[in-house]
């Protein structure tokens, strides 16, 4: 995972309310599509860990 995806995981873990893709896009100054791609990467990574 790259730094931004790690930072996204951190944001999600510390959030005390719902975090939207739009919120993350603004926070990281990237497009919503980029955030979706990052979330897909995180999901793939977690899937590998769970199936290991």
C-alpha atoms as a PDB file:
ATOM      1  CA  UNK A   1       0.000   0.000   0.000  1.00  0.00           C
ATOM      2  CA  UNK A   2       1.158   3.511  -0.677  1.00  0.00           C
ATOM      3  CA  UNK A   3       1.178   6.343   1.855  1.00  0.00           C
ATOM      4  CA  UNK A   4      -2.227   7.721   0.846  1.00  0.00           C
ATOM      5  CA  UNK A   5      -3.950   4.340   1.175  1.00  0.00           C
ATOM      6  CA  UNK A   6      -2.364   3.886   4.608  1.00  0.00           C
ATOM      7  CA  UNK A   7      -3.533   7.374   5.562  1.00  0.00           C
ATOM      8  CA  UNK A   8      -7.061   6.553   4.342  1.00  0.00           C
ATOM      9  CA  UNK A   9      -7.137   3.476   6.575  1.00  0.00           C
ATOM     10  CA  UNK A  10      -6.031   5.673   9.468  1.00  0.00           C
ATOM     11  CA  UNK A  11      -8.765   8.215   8.746  1.00  0.00           C
ATOM     12  CA  UNK A  12     -11.400   5.484   8.647  1.00  0.00           C
ATOM     13  CA  UNK A  13     -10.193   3.914  11.883  1.00  0.00           C
ATOM     14  CA  UNK A  14     -10.239   7.168  13.830  1.00  0.00           C
ATOM     15  CA  UNK A  15     -13.521   8.484  12.398  1.00  0.00           C
ATOM     16  CA  UNK A  16     -16.329   8.927  14.885  1.00  0.00           C
ATOM     17  CA  UNK A  17     -18.904   9.508  12.135  1.00  0.00           C
ATOM     18  CA  UNK A  18     -19.603   8.334   8.608  1.00  0.00           C
ATOM     19  CA  UNK A  19     -16.853   9.249   6.165  1.00  0.00           C
ATOM     20  CA  UNK A  20     -17.874   9.646   2.537  1.00  0.00           C
ATOM     21  CA  UNK A  21     -15.799   9.234  -0.592  1.00  0.00           C
ATOM     22  CA  UNK A  22     -16.321  12.936  -1.168  1.00  0.00           C
ATOM     23  CA  UNK A  23     -14.952  13.724   2.316  1.00  0.00           C
ATOM     24  CA  UNK A  24     -11.833  11.663   1.596  1.00  0.00           C
ATOM     25  CA  UNK A  25     -11.356  13.242  -1.836  1.00  0.00           C
ATOM     26  CA  UNK A  26     -11.396  16.715  -0.305  1.00  0.00           C
ATOM     27  CA  UNK A  27      -9.133  15.675   2.569  1.00  0.00           C
ATOM     28  CA  UNK A  28      -6.502  14.134   0.269  1.00  0.00           C
ATOM     29  CA  UNK A  29      -6.973  16.624  -2.613  1.00  0.00           C
ATOM     30  CA  UNK A  30      -7.651  13.913  -5.195  1.00  0.00           C
ATOM     31  CA  UNK A  31     -10.657  12.899  -7.276  1.00  0.00           C
ATOM     32  CA  UNK A  32     -13.426  10.670  -5.990  1.00  0.00           C
ATOM     33  CA  UNK A  33     -12.361   8.113  -8.639  1.00  0.00           C
ATOM     34  CA  UNK A  34      -8.881   8.046  -7.082  1.00  0.00           C
ATOM     35  CA  UNK A  35     -10.401   7.415  -3.654  1.00  0.00           C
ATOM     36  CA  UNK A  36     -12.521   4.591  -5.091  1.00  0.00           C
ATOM     37  CA  UNK A  37      -9.392   3.053  -6.622  1.00  0.00           C
ATOM     38  CA  UNK A  38      -7.582   3.388  -3.291  1.00  0.00           C
ATOM     39  CA  UNK A  39     -10.494   1.753  -1.454  1.00  0.00           C
ATOM     40  CA  UNK A  40     -10.461  -1.107  -3.963  1.00  0.00           C
ATOM     41  CA  UNK A  41      -6.728  -1.554  -3.310  1.00  0.00           C
ATOM     42  CA  UNK A  42      -7.340  -1.589   0.440  1.00  0.00           C
ATOM     43  CA  UNK A  43     -10.131  -4.132  -0.027  1.00  0.00           C
ATOM     44  CA  UNK A  44      -7.876  -6.375  -2.143  1.00  0.00           C
ATOM     45  CA  UNK A  45      -5.095  -6.124   0.462  1.00  0.00           C
ATOM     46  CA  UNK A  46      -7.476  -7.019   3.284  1.00  0.00           C
ATOM     47  CA  UNK A  47      -8.824  -9.949   1.253  1.00  0.00           C
ATOM     48  CA  UNK A  48      -5.309 -11.347   0.891  1.00  0.00           C
ATOM     49  CA  UNK A  49      -4.698 -11.058   4.631  1.00  0.00           C
ATOM     50  CA  UNK A  50      -7.979 -12.744   5.538  1.00  0.00           C
ATOM     51  CA  UNK A  51      -7.460 -15.653   3.127  1.00  0.00           C
ATOM     52  CA  UNK A  52      -3.847 -16.196   4.211  1.00  0.00           C
END
